[in-house]
Amino acid sequence: MKKSEHYSPETKIGGSAGARAPWHYDSEWAAICSIAGRSAAAETLRRWLRQDEQDAGERAGQTTAERERIKQLERENRELRQANEILRKASAFFTRRSSTAGSF
């Protein structure tokens, strides 16, 4: 699932803040559905709200900072694996070449 980044930070903050104050509604979902028509889809607002709760420590799960750090580490890991593969192939190439050079 690819995340869309076309919502402004103001929209995200406003949507989740509005949904956090459901005193005018029977439930949190009713508040989300009411706000959803003005800014984003209901499910999108619900996910923003859950992520805000995780970032604030009110809900279990990874914070935004932790998610970004994991992405960074995965990217570094991928780059290091590629570099190791290149070095392994280069080492094998030069080992073969040096062993065949002495037979002439």
PDB file of N, CA and C in Angstrom:
ATOM      1  N   MET A   1       0.841  -1.168   0.000  1.00  0.00           N
ATOM      2  CA  MET A   1       0.000   0.000   0.000  1.00  0.00           C
ATOM      3  C   MET A   1       0.891   1.237   0.000  1.00  0.00           C
ATOM      4  N   LYS A   2       0.722   2.102  -0.975  1.00  0.00           N
ATOM      5  CA  LYS A   2       1.524   3.301  -1.095  1.00  0.00           C
ATOM      6  C   LYS A   2       0.788   4.475  -0.473  1.00  0.00           C
ATOM      7  N   LYS A   3       1.518   5.232   0.322  1.00  0.00           N
ATOM      8  CA  LYS A   3       0.920   6.396   0.968  1.00  0.00           C
ATOM      9  C   LYS A   3       0.882   7.564   0.002  1.00  0.00           C
ATOM     10  N   SER A   4      -0.195   8.286   0.038  1.00  0.00           N
ATOM     11  CA  SER A   4      -0.321   9.482  -0.769  1.00  0.00           C
ATOM     12  C   SER A   4       0.131  10.671   0.065  1.00  0.00           C
ATOM     13  N   GLU A   5       0.875  11.561  -0.529  1.00  0.00           N
ATOM     14  CA  GLU A   5       1.401  12.710   0.202  1.00  0.00           C
ATOM     15  C   GLU A   5       0.796  14.018  -0.306  1.00  0.00           C
ATOM     16  N   HIS A   6      -0.416  13.978  -0.796  1.00  0.00           N
ATOM     17  CA  HIS A   6      -0.976  15.187  -1.369  1.00  0.00           C
ATOM     18  C   HIS A   6      -1.796  16.028  -0.403  1.00  0.00           C
ATOM     19  N   TYR A   7      -1.855  15.662   0.854  1.00  0.00           N
ATOM     20  CA  TYR A   7      -2.552  16.455   1.853  1.00  0.00           C
ATOM     21  C   TYR A   7      -1.549  17.357   2.557  1.00  0.00           C
ATOM     22  N   SER A   8      -1.923  18.598   2.767  1.00  0.00           N
ATOM     23  CA  SER A   8      -1.030  19.523   3.462  1.00  0.00           C
ATOM     24  C   SER A   8      -0.987  19.177   4.947  1.00  0.00           C
ATOM     25  N   PRO A   9       0.085  19.559   5.619  1.00  0.00           N
ATOM     26  CA  PRO A   9       0.148  19.313   7.065  1.00  0.00           C
ATOM     27  C   PRO A   9      -1.008  19.997   7.812  1.00  0.00           C
ATOM     28  N   GLU A  10      -1.431  21.153   7.335  1.00  0.00           N
ATOM     29  CA  GLU A  10      -2.547  21.857   7.973  1.00  0.00           C
ATOM     30  C   GLU A  10      -3.832  21.042   7.886  1.00  0.00           C
ATOM     31  N   THR A  11      -4.046  20.391   6.750  1.00  0.00           N
ATOM     32  CA  THR A  11      -5.238  19.558   6.575  1.00  0.00           C
ATOM     33  C   THR A  11      -5.185  18.380   7.536  1.00  0.00           C
ATOM     34  N   LYS A  12      -4.015  17.756   7.655  1.00  0.00           N
ATOM     35  CA  LYS A  12      -3.874  16.619   8.559  1.00  0.00           C
ATOM     36  C   LYS A  12      -4.114  17.035  10.006  1.00  0.00           C
ATOM     37  N   ILE A  13      -3.519  18.147  10.405  1.00  0.00           N
ATOM     38  CA  ILE A  13      -3.674  18.612  11.784  1.00  0.00           C
ATOM     39  C   ILE A  13      -5.124  18.999  12.064  1.00  0.00           C
ATOM     40  N   GLY A  14      -5.722  19.735  11.153  1.00  0.00           N
ATOM     41  CA  GLY A  14      -7.111  20.155  11.335  1.00  0.00           C
ATOM     42  C   GLY A  14      -8.076  18.989  11.361  1.00  0.00           C
ATOM     43  N   GLY A  15      -7.870  18.034  10.482  1.00  0.00           N
ATOM     44  CA  GLY A  15      -8.753  16.868  10.425  1.00  0.00           C
ATOM     45  C   GLY A  15      -8.673  16.016  11.667  1.00  0.00           C
ATOM     46  N   SER A  16      -7.447  15.746  12.110  1.00  0.00           N
ATOM     47  CA  SER A  16      -7.318  14.901  13.292  1.00  0.00           C
ATOM     48  C   SER A  16      -7.735  15.652  14.552  1.00  0.00           C
ATOM     49  N   ALA A  17      -7.481  16.948  14.598  1.00  0.00           N
ATOM     50  CA  ALA A  17      -7.904  17.733  15.771  1.00  0.00           C
ATOM     51  C   ALA A  17      -9.423  17.795  15.855  1.00  0.00           C
ATOM     52  N   GLY A  18     -10.081  17.958  14.723  1.00  0.00           N
ATOM     53  CA  GLY A  18     -11.539  17.987  14.716  1.00  0.00           C
ATOM     54  C   GLY A  18     -12.141  16.663  15.131  1.00  0.00           C
ATOM     55  N   ALA A  19     -11.507  15.576  14.706  1.00  0.00           N
ATOM     56  CA  ALA A  19     -12.018  14.250  15.048  1.00  0.00           C
ATOM     57  C   ALA A  19     -11.730  13.901  16.504  1.00  0.00           C
ATOM     58  N   ARG A  20     -10.733  14.533  17.104  1.00  0.00           N
ATOM     59  CA  ARG A  20     -10.400  14.261  18.504  1.00  0.00           C
ATOM     60  C   ARG A  20     -11.413  14.877  19.461  1.00  0.00           C
ATOM     61  N   ALA A  21     -12.230  15.776  18.967  1.00  0.00           N
ATOM     62  CA  ALA A  21     -13.202  16.445  19.837  1.00  0.00           C
ATOM     63  C   ALA A  21     -14.621  16.036  19.438  1.00  0.00           C
ATOM     64  N   PRO A  22     -15.013  14.782  19.702  1.00  0.00           N
ATOM     65  CA  PRO A  22     -16.311  14.300  19.232  1.00  0.00           C
ATOM     66  C   PRO A  22     -17.479  14.590  20.173  1.00  0.00           C
ATOM     67  N   TRP A  23     -17.389  15.649  20.971  1.00  0.00           N
ATOM     68  CA  TRP A  23     -18.464  15.900  21.926  1.00  0.00           C
ATOM     69  C   TRP A  23     -19.788  16.249  21.272  1.00  0.00           C
ATOM     70  N   HIS A  24     -19.780  16.674  20.001  1.00  0.00           N
ATOM     71  CA  HIS A  24     -21.028  16.991  19.298  1.00  0.00           C
ATOM     72  C   HIS A  24     -21.642  15.756  18.647  1.00  0.00           C
ATOM     73  N   TYR A  25     -20.945  14.649  18.710  1.00  0.00           N
ATOM     74  CA  TYR A  25     -21.357  13.449  17.992  1.00  0.00           C
ATOM     75  C   TYR A  25     -21.539  12.285  18.966  1.00  0.00           C
ATOM     76  N   ASP A  26     -22.250  11.289  18.511  1.00  0.00           N
ATOM     77  CA  ASP A  26     -22.480  10.107  19.342  1.00  0.00           C
ATOM     78  C   ASP A  26     -21.228   9.256  19.509  1.00  0.00           C
ATOM     79  N   SER A  27     -20.348   9.297  18.507  1.00  0.00           N
ATOM     80  CA  SER A  27     -19.144   8.475  18.556  1.00  0.00           C
ATOM     81  C   SER A  27     -18.013   9.160  17.809  1.00  0.00           C
ATOM     82  N   GLU A  28     -16.823   8.623  18.007  1.00  0.00           N
ATOM     83  CA  GLU A  28     -15.662   9.138  17.288  1.00  0.00           C
ATOM     84  C   GLU A  28     -15.841   8.954  15.779  1.00  0.00           C
ATOM     85  N   TRP A  29     -16.377   7.800  15.382  1.00  0.00           N
ATOM     86  CA  TRP A  29     -16.578   7.527  13.958  1.00  0.00           C
ATOM     87  C   TRP A  29     -17.563   8.527  13.350  1.00  0.00           C
ATOM     88  N   ALA A  30     -18.592   8.909  14.087  1.00  0.00           N
ATOM     89  CA  ALA A  30     -19.556   9.905  13.591  1.00  0.00           C
ATOM     90  C   ALA A  30     -18.859  11.244  13.362  1.00  0.00           C
ATOM     91  N   ALA A  31     -17.966  11.613  14.273  1.00  0.00           N
ATOM     92  CA  ALA A  31     -17.205  12.858  14.103  1.00  0.00           C
ATOM     93  C   ALA A  31     -16.301  12.771  12.880  1.00  0.00           C
ATOM     94  N   ILE A  32     -15.627  11.636  12.717  1.00  0.00           N
ATOM     95  CA  ILE A  32     -14.734  11.446  11.573  1.00  0.00           C
ATOM     96  C   ILE A  32     -15.522  11.544  10.270  1.00  0.00           C
ATOM     97  N   CYS A  33     -16.663  10.878  10.205  1.00  0.00           N
ATOM     98  CA  CYS A  33     -17.481  10.901   8.983  1.00  0.00           C
ATOM     99  C   CYS A  33     -17.980  12.307   8.680  1.00  0.00           C
ATOM    100  N   SER A  34     -18.327  13.065   9.701  1.00  0.00           N
ATOM    101  CA  SER A  34     -18.804  14.434   9.507  1.00  0.00           C
ATOM    102  C   SER A  34     -17.698  15.333   8.958  1.00  0.00           C
ATOM    103  N   ILE A  35     -16.500  15.180   9.503  1.00  0.00           N
ATOM    104  CA  ILE A  35     -15.367  16.004   9.074  1.00  0.00           C
ATOM    105  C   ILE A  35     -14.838  15.544   7.723  1.00  0.00           C
ATOM    106  N   ALA A  36     -14.965  14.265   7.428  1.00  0.00           N
ATOM    107  CA  ALA A  36     -14.377  13.672   6.227  1.00  0.00           C
ATOM    108  C   ALA A  36     -14.835  14.351   4.947  1.00  0.00           C
ATOM    109  N   GLY A  37     -16.050  14.744   4.861  1.00  0.00           N
ATOM    110  CA  GLY A  37     -16.541  15.354   3.634  1.00  0.00           C
ATOM    111  C   GLY A  37     -15.857  16.661   3.296  1.00  0.00           C
ATOM    112  N   ARG A  38     -15.306  17.325   4.294  1.00  0.00           N
ATOM    113  CA  ARG A  38     -14.684  18.629   4.081  1.00  0.00           C
ATOM    114  C   ARG A  38     -13.194  18.573   3.771  1.00  0.00           C
ATOM    115  N   SER A  39     -12.503  17.526   4.224  1.00  0.00           N
ATOM    116  CA  SER A  39     -11.050  17.548   4.058  1.00  0.00           C
ATOM    117  C   SER A  39     -10.489  16.292   3.387  1.00  0.00           C
ATOM    118  N   ALA A  40     -10.856  15.119   3.853  1.00  0.00           N
ATOM    119  CA  ALA A  40     -10.294  13.880   3.319  1.00  0.00           C
ATOM    120  C   ALA A  40     -11.287  12.758   3.570  1.00  0.00           C
ATOM    121  N   ALA A  41     -10.991  11.585   3.051  1.00  0.00           N
ATOM    122  CA  ALA A  41     -11.860  10.424   3.251  1.00  0.00           C
ATOM    123  C   ALA A  41     -11.877  10.033   4.721  1.00  0.00           C
ATOM    124  N   ALA A  42     -12.960   9.418   5.150  1.00  0.00           N
ATOM    125  CA  ALA A  42     -13.119   9.044   6.553  1.00  0.00           C
ATOM    126  C   ALA A  42     -12.004   8.109   7.012  1.00  0.00           C
ATOM    127  N   GLU A  43     -11.659   7.127   6.220  1.00  0.00           N
ATOM    128  CA  GLU A  43     -10.618   6.184   6.605  1.00  0.00           C
ATOM    129  C   GLU A  43      -9.264   6.886   6.720  1.00  0.00           C
ATOM    130  N   THR A  44      -9.003   7.848   5.851  1.00  0.00           N
ATOM    131  CA  THR A  44      -7.763   8.613   5.920  1.00  0.00           C
ATOM    132  C   THR A  44      -7.701   9.393   7.225  1.00  0.00           C
ATOM    133  N   LEU A  45      -8.793  10.049   7.575  1.00  0.00           N
ATOM    134  CA  LEU A  45      -8.836  10.790   8.842  1.00  0.00           C
ATOM    135  C   LEU A  45      -8.663   9.861  10.037  1.00  0.00           C
ATOM    136  N   ARG A  46      -9.268   8.687   9.976  1.00  0.00           N
ATOM    137  CA  ARG A  46      -9.138   7.737  11.070  1.00  0.00           C
ATOM    138  C   ARG A  46      -7.680   7.318  11.250  1.00  0.00           C
ATOM    139  N   ARG A  47      -6.984   7.065  10.138  1.00  0.00           N
ATOM    140  CA  ARG A  47      -5.566   6.685  10.219  1.00  0.00           C
ATOM    141  C   ARG A  47      -4.721   7.828  10.773  1.00  0.00           C
ATOM    142  N   TRP A  48      -5.008   9.075  10.357  1.00  0.00           N
ATOM    143  CA  TRP A  48      -4.285  10.231  10.898  1.00  0.00           C
ATOM    144  C   TRP A  48      -4.499  10.333  12.402  1.00  0.00           C
ATOM    145  N   LEU A  49      -5.731  10.145  12.823  1.00  0.00           N
ATOM    146  CA  LEU A  49      -6.063  10.215  14.242  1.00  0.00           C
ATOM    147  C   LEU A  49      -5.316   9.141  15.028  1.00  0.00           C
ATOM    148  N   ARG A  50      -5.307   7.910  14.533  1.00  0.00           N
ATOM    149  CA  ARG A  50      -4.595   6.834  15.214  1.00  0.00           C
ATOM    150  C   ARG A  50      -3.094   7.127  15.284  1.00  0.00           C
ATOM    151  N   GLN A  51      -2.532   7.662  14.202  1.00  0.00           N
ATOM    152  CA  GLN A  51      -1.107   7.982  14.196  1.00  0.00           C
ATOM    153  C   GLN A  51      -0.810   9.105  15.184  1.00  0.00           C
ATOM    154  N   ASP A  52      -1.677  10.108  15.264  1.00  0.00           N
ATOM    155  CA  ASP A  52      -1.501  11.173  16.255  1.00  0.00           C
ATOM    156  C   ASP A  52      -1.534  10.611  17.669  1.00  0.00           C
ATOM    157  N   GLU A  53      -2.425   9.666  17.915  1.00  0.00           N
ATOM    158  CA  GLU A  53      -2.509   9.043  19.238  1.00  0.00           C
ATOM    159  C   GLU A  53      -1.235   8.245  19.542  1.00  0.00           C
ATOM    160  N   GLN A  54      -0.683   7.561  18.546  1.00  0.00           N
ATOM    161  CA  GLN A  54       0.571   6.820  18.738  1.00  0.00           C
ATOM    162  C   GLN A  54       1.718   7.784  19.009  1.00  0.00           C
ATOM    163  N   ASP A  55       1.777   8.876  18.250  1.00  0.00           N
ATOM    164  CA  ASP A  55       2.844   9.862  18.438  1.00  0.00           C
ATOM    165  C   ASP A  55       2.777  10.500  19.817  1.00  0.00           C
ATOM    166  N   ALA A  56       1.571  10.661  20.349  1.00  0.00           N
ATOM    167  CA  ALA A  56       1.386  11.266  21.673  1.00  0.00           C
ATOM    168  C   ALA A  56       1.556  10.252  22.800  1.00  0.00           C
ATOM    169  N   GLY A  57       1.735   8.987  22.475  1.00  0.00           N
ATOM    170  CA  GLY A  57       1.900   7.945  23.485  1.00  0.00           C
ATOM    171  C   GLY A  57       0.588   7.477  24.084  1.00  0.00           C
ATOM    172  N   GLU A  58      -0.527   7.841  23.468  1.00  0.00           N
ATOM    173  CA  GLU A  58      -1.846   7.456  23.966  1.00  0.00           C
ATOM    174  C   GLU A  58      -2.283   6.091  23.450  1.00  0.00           C
ATOM    175  N   ARG A  59      -1.588   5.577  22.440  1.00  0.00           N
ATOM    176  CA  ARG A  59      -1.945   4.308  21.808  1.00  0.00           C
ATOM    177  C   ARG A  59      -0.649   3.562  21.501  1.00  0.00           C
ATOM    178  N   ALA A  60      -0.707   2.253  21.632  1.00  0.00           N
ATOM    179  CA  ALA A  60       0.470   1.438  21.327  1.00  0.00           C
ATOM    180  C   ALA A  60       0.730   1.440  19.822  1.00  0.00           C
ATOM    181  N   GLY A  61       1.982   1.344  19.460  1.00  0.00           N
ATOM    182  CA  GLY A  61       2.360   1.286  18.053  1.00  0.00           C
ATOM    183  C   GLY A  61       3.555   2.174  17.782  1.00  0.00           C
ATOM    184  N   GLN A  62       4.042   2.105  16.553  1.00  0.00           N
ATOM    185  CA  GLN A  62       5.214   2.880  16.163  1.00  0.00           C
ATOM    186  C   GLN A  62       4.850   4.339  15.965  1.00  0.00           C
ATOM    187  N   THR A  63       5.714   5.214  16.467  1.00  0.00           N
ATOM    188  CA  THR A  63       5.517   6.640  16.229  1.00  0.00           C
ATOM    189  C   THR A  63       6.019   6.981  14.831  1.00  0.00           C
ATOM    190  N   THR A  64       5.697   8.168  14.389  1.00  0.00           N
ATOM    191  CA  THR A  64       6.142   8.617  13.074  1.00  0.00           C
ATOM    192  C   THR A  64       7.667   8.643  13.018  1.00  0.00           C
ATOM    193  N   ALA A  65       8.303   9.105  14.083  1.00  0.00           N
ATOM    194  CA  ALA A  65       9.770   9.158  14.126  1.00  0.00           C
ATOM    195  C   ALA A  65      10.362   7.754  14.040  1.00  0.00           C
ATOM    196  N   GLU A  66       9.756   6.803  14.727  1.00  0.00           N
ATOM    197  CA  GLU A  66      10.244   5.421  14.664  1.00  0.00           C
ATOM    198  C   GLU A  66      10.086   4.844  13.266  1.00  0.00           C
ATOM    199  N   ARG A  67       8.969   5.129  12.626  1.00  0.00           N
ATOM    200  CA  ARG A  67       8.757   4.642  11.254  1.00  0.00           C
ATOM    201  C   ARG A  67       9.800   5.205  10.299  1.00  0.00           C
ATOM    202  N   GLU A  68      10.094   6.492  10.440  1.00  0.00           N
ATOM    203  CA  GLU A  68      11.095   7.122   9.577  1.00  0.00           C
ATOM    204  C   GLU A  68      12.477   6.523   9.828  1.00  0.00           C
ATOM    205  N   ARG A  69      12.807   6.269  11.093  1.00  0.00           N
ATOM    206  CA  ARG A  69      14.099   5.679  11.427  1.00  0.00           C
ATOM    207  C   ARG A  69      14.227   4.271  10.846  1.00  0.00           C
ATOM    208  N   ILE A  70      13.164   3.500  10.922  1.00  0.00           N
ATOM    209  CA  ILE A  70      13.166   2.148  10.350  1.00  0.00           C
ATOM    210  C   ILE A  70      13.361   2.216   8.840  1.00  0.00           C
ATOM    211  N   LYS A  71      12.676   3.137   8.180  1.00  0.00           N
ATOM    212  CA  LYS A  71      12.854   3.298   6.729  1.00  0.00           C
ATOM    213  C   LYS A  71      14.299   3.641   6.395  1.00  0.00           C
ATOM    214  N   GLN A  72      14.889   4.545   7.186  1.00  0.00           N
ATOM    215  CA  GLN A  72      16.271   4.945   6.953  1.00  0.00           C
ATOM    216  C   GLN A  72      17.210   3.755   7.135  1.00  0.00           C
ATOM    217  N   LEU A  73      17.009   2.989   8.190  1.00  0.00           N
ATOM    218  CA  LEU A  73      17.863   1.824   8.442  1.00  0.00           C
ATOM    219  C   LEU A  73      17.692   0.754   7.366  1.00  0.00           C
ATOM    220  N   GLU A  74      16.463   0.557   6.893  1.00  0.00           N
ATOM    221  CA  GLU A  74      16.238  -0.416   5.815  1.00  0.00           C
ATOM    222  C   GLU A  74      16.939   0.027   4.532  1.00  0.00           C
ATOM    223  N   ARG A  75      16.901   1.327   4.247  1.00  0.00           N
ATOM    224  CA  ARG A  75      17.580   1.861   3.066  1.00  0.00           C
ATOM    225  C   ARG A  75      19.092   1.656   3.184  1.00  0.00           C
ATOM    226  N   GLU A  76      19.654   1.977   4.358  1.00  0.00           N
ATOM    227  CA  GLU A  76      21.089   1.778   4.585  1.00  0.00           C
ATOM    228  C   GLU A  76      21.456   0.298   4.459  1.00  0.00           C
ATOM    229  N   ASN A  77      20.626  -0.571   5.019  1.00  0.00           N
ATOM    230  CA  ASN A  77      20.860  -2.011   4.955  1.00  0.00           C
ATOM    231  C   ASN A  77      20.891  -2.480   3.501  1.00  0.00           C
ATOM    232  N   ARG A  78      19.935  -2.011   2.696  1.00  0.00           N
ATOM    233  CA  ARG A  78      19.873  -2.380   1.279  1.00  0.00           C
ATOM    234  C   ARG A  78      21.137  -1.913   0.554  1.00  0.00           C
ATOM    235  N   GLU A  79      21.578  -0.676   0.827  1.00  0.00           N
ATOM    236  CA  GLU A  79      22.777  -0.147   0.177  1.00  0.00           C
ATOM    237  C   GLU A  79      24.020  -0.940   0.586  1.00  0.00           C
ATOM    238  N   LEU A  80      24.108  -1.313   1.853  1.00  0.00           N
ATOM    239  CA  LEU A  80      25.257  -2.091   2.313  1.00  0.00           C
ATOM    240  C   LEU A  80      25.264  -3.492   1.700  1.00  0.00           C
ATOM    241  N   ARG A  81      24.101  -4.100   1.568  1.00  0.00           N
ATOM    242  CA  ARG A  81      24.031  -5.419   0.913  1.00  0.00           C
ATOM    243  C   ARG A  81      24.499  -5.321  -0.546  1.00  0.00           C
ATOM    244  N   GLN A  82      24.097  -4.259  -1.230  1.00  0.00           N
ATOM    245  CA  GLN A  82      24.528  -4.074  -2.620  1.00  0.00           C
ATOM    246  C   GLN A  82      26.032  -3.877  -2.691  1.00  0.00           C
ATOM    247  N   ALA A  83      26.573  -3.066  -1.785  1.00  0.00           N
ATOM    248  CA  ALA A  83      28.022  -2.832  -1.772  1.00  0.00           C
ATOM    249  C   ALA A  83      28.769  -4.135  -1.483  1.00  0.00           C
ATOM    250  N   ASN A  84      28.268  -4.932  -0.532  1.00  0.00           N
ATOM    251  CA  ASN A  84      28.904  -6.216  -0.225  1.00  0.00           C
ATOM    252  C   ASN A  84      28.867  -7.158  -1.418  1.00  0.00           C
ATOM    253  N   GLU A  85      27.766  -7.171  -2.142  1.00  0.00           N
ATOM    254  CA  GLU A  85      27.645  -8.025  -3.328  1.00  0.00           C
ATOM    255  C   GLU A  85      28.657  -7.608  -4.398  1.00  0.00           C
ATOM    256  N   ILE A  86      28.803  -6.311  -4.597  1.00  0.00           N
ATOM    257  CA  ILE A  86      29.781  -5.809  -5.571  1.00  0.00           C
ATOM    258  C   ILE A  86      31.195  -6.218  -5.149  1.00  0.00           C
ATOM    259  N   LEU A  87      31.514  -6.045  -3.866  1.00  0.00           N
ATOM    260  CA  LEU A  87      32.850  -6.420  -3.377  1.00  0.00           C
ATOM    261  C   LEU A  87      33.085  -7.920  -3.485  1.00  0.00           C
ATOM    262  N   ARG A  88      32.066  -8.723  -3.197  1.00  0.00           N
ATOM    263  CA  ARG A  88      32.201 -10.173  -3.307  1.00  0.00           C
ATOM    264  C   ARG A  88      32.494 -10.576  -4.749  1.00  0.00           C
ATOM    265  N   LYS A  89      31.759  -9.992  -5.697  1.00  0.00           N
ATOM    266  CA  LYS A  89      31.974 -10.317  -7.117  1.00  0.00           C
ATOM    267  C   LYS A  89      33.339  -9.841  -7.588  1.00  0.00           C
ATOM    268  N   ALA A  90      33.755  -8.664  -7.138  1.00  0.00           N
ATOM    269  CA  ALA A  90      35.070  -8.146  -7.534  1.00  0.00           C
ATOM    270  C   ALA A  90      36.177  -9.035  -6.973  1.00  0.00           C
ATOM    271  N   SER A  91      36.018  -9.458  -5.753  1.00  0.00           N
ATOM    272  CA  SER A  91      37.013 -10.349  -5.130  1.00  0.00           C
ATOM    273  C   SER A  91      37.105 -11.668  -5.889  1.00  0.00           C
ATOM    274  N   ALA A  92      35.968 -12.232  -6.237  1.00  0.00           N
ATOM    275  CA  ALA A  92      35.964 -13.490  -6.997  1.00  0.00           C
ATOM    276  C   ALA A  92      36.608 -13.285  -8.365  1.00  0.00           C
ATOM    277  N   PHE A  93      36.330 -12.186  -9.009  1.00  0.00           N
ATOM    278  CA  PHE A  93      36.897 -11.901 -10.325  1.00  0.00           C
ATOM    279  C   PHE A  93      38.414 -11.807 -10.246  1.00  0.00           C
ATOM    280  N   PHE A  94      38.937 -11.037  -9.289  1.00  0.00           N
ATOM    281  CA  PHE A  94      40.375 -10.848  -9.184  1.00  0.00           C
ATOM    282  C   PHE A  94      41.078 -12.113  -8.687  1.00  0.00           C
ATOM    283  N   THR A  95      40.406 -12.911  -7.887  1.00  0.00           N
ATOM    284  CA  THR A  95      40.992 -14.183  -7.454  1.00  0.00           C
ATOM    285  C   THR A  95      41.149 -15.123  -8.641  1.00  0.00           C
ATOM    286  N   ARG A  96      40.105 -15.211  -9.483  1.00  0.00           N
ATOM    287  CA  ARG A  96      40.178 -16.043 -10.688  1.00  0.00           C
ATOM    288  C   ARG A  96      41.255 -15.532 -11.624  1.00  0.00           C
ATOM    289  N   ARG A  97      41.311 -14.231 -11.793  1.00  0.00           N
ATOM    290  CA  ARG A  97      42.271 -13.658 -12.722  1.00  0.00           C
ATOM    291  C   ARG A  97      43.705 -13.888 -12.253  1.00  0.00           C
ATOM    292  N   SER A  98      43.963 -13.738 -10.960  1.00  0.00           N
ATOM    293  CA  SER A  98      45.333 -13.929 -10.466  1.00  0.00           C
ATOM    294  C   SER A  98      45.754 -15.407 -10.515  1.00  0.00           C
ATOM    295  N   SER A  99      44.799 -16.322 -10.354  1.00  0.00           N
ATOM    296  CA  SER A  99      45.158 -17.746 -10.412  1.00  0.00           C
ATOM    297  C   SER A  99      45.406 -18.217 -11.841  1.00  0.00           C
ATOM    298  N   THR A 100      44.764 -17.604 -12.827  1.00  0.00           N
ATOM    299  CA  THR A 100      44.986 -17.995 -14.219  1.00  0.00           C
ATOM    300  C   THR A 100      46.181 -17.263 -14.810  1.00  0.00           C
ATOM    301  N   ALA A 101      46.609 -16.156 -14.249  1.00  0.00           N
ATOM    302  CA  ALA A 101      47.733 -15.389 -14.789  1.00  0.00           C
ATOM    303  C   ALA A 101      49.039 -16.141 -14.630  1.00  0.00           C
ATOM    304  N   GLY A 102      49.205 -16.940 -13.599  1.00  0.00           N
ATOM    305  CA  GLY A 102      50.445 -17.679 -13.359  1.00  0.00           C
ATOM    306  C   GLY A 102      50.614 -18.892 -14.230  1.00  0.00           C
ATOM    307  N   SER A 103      49.553 -19.376 -14.904  1.00  0.00           N
ATOM    308  CA  SER A 103      49.655 -20.587 -15.705  1.00  0.00           C
ATOM    309  C   SER A 103      50.174 -20.352 -17.112  1.00  0.00           C
ATOM    310  N   PHE A 104      50.359 -19.105 -17.512  1.00  0.00           N
ATOM    311  CA  PHE A 104      50.874 -18.837 -18.867  1.00  0.00           C
ATOM    312  C   PHE A 104      52.320 -18.907 -18.939  1.00  0.00           C
TER     313      PHE A 104
END
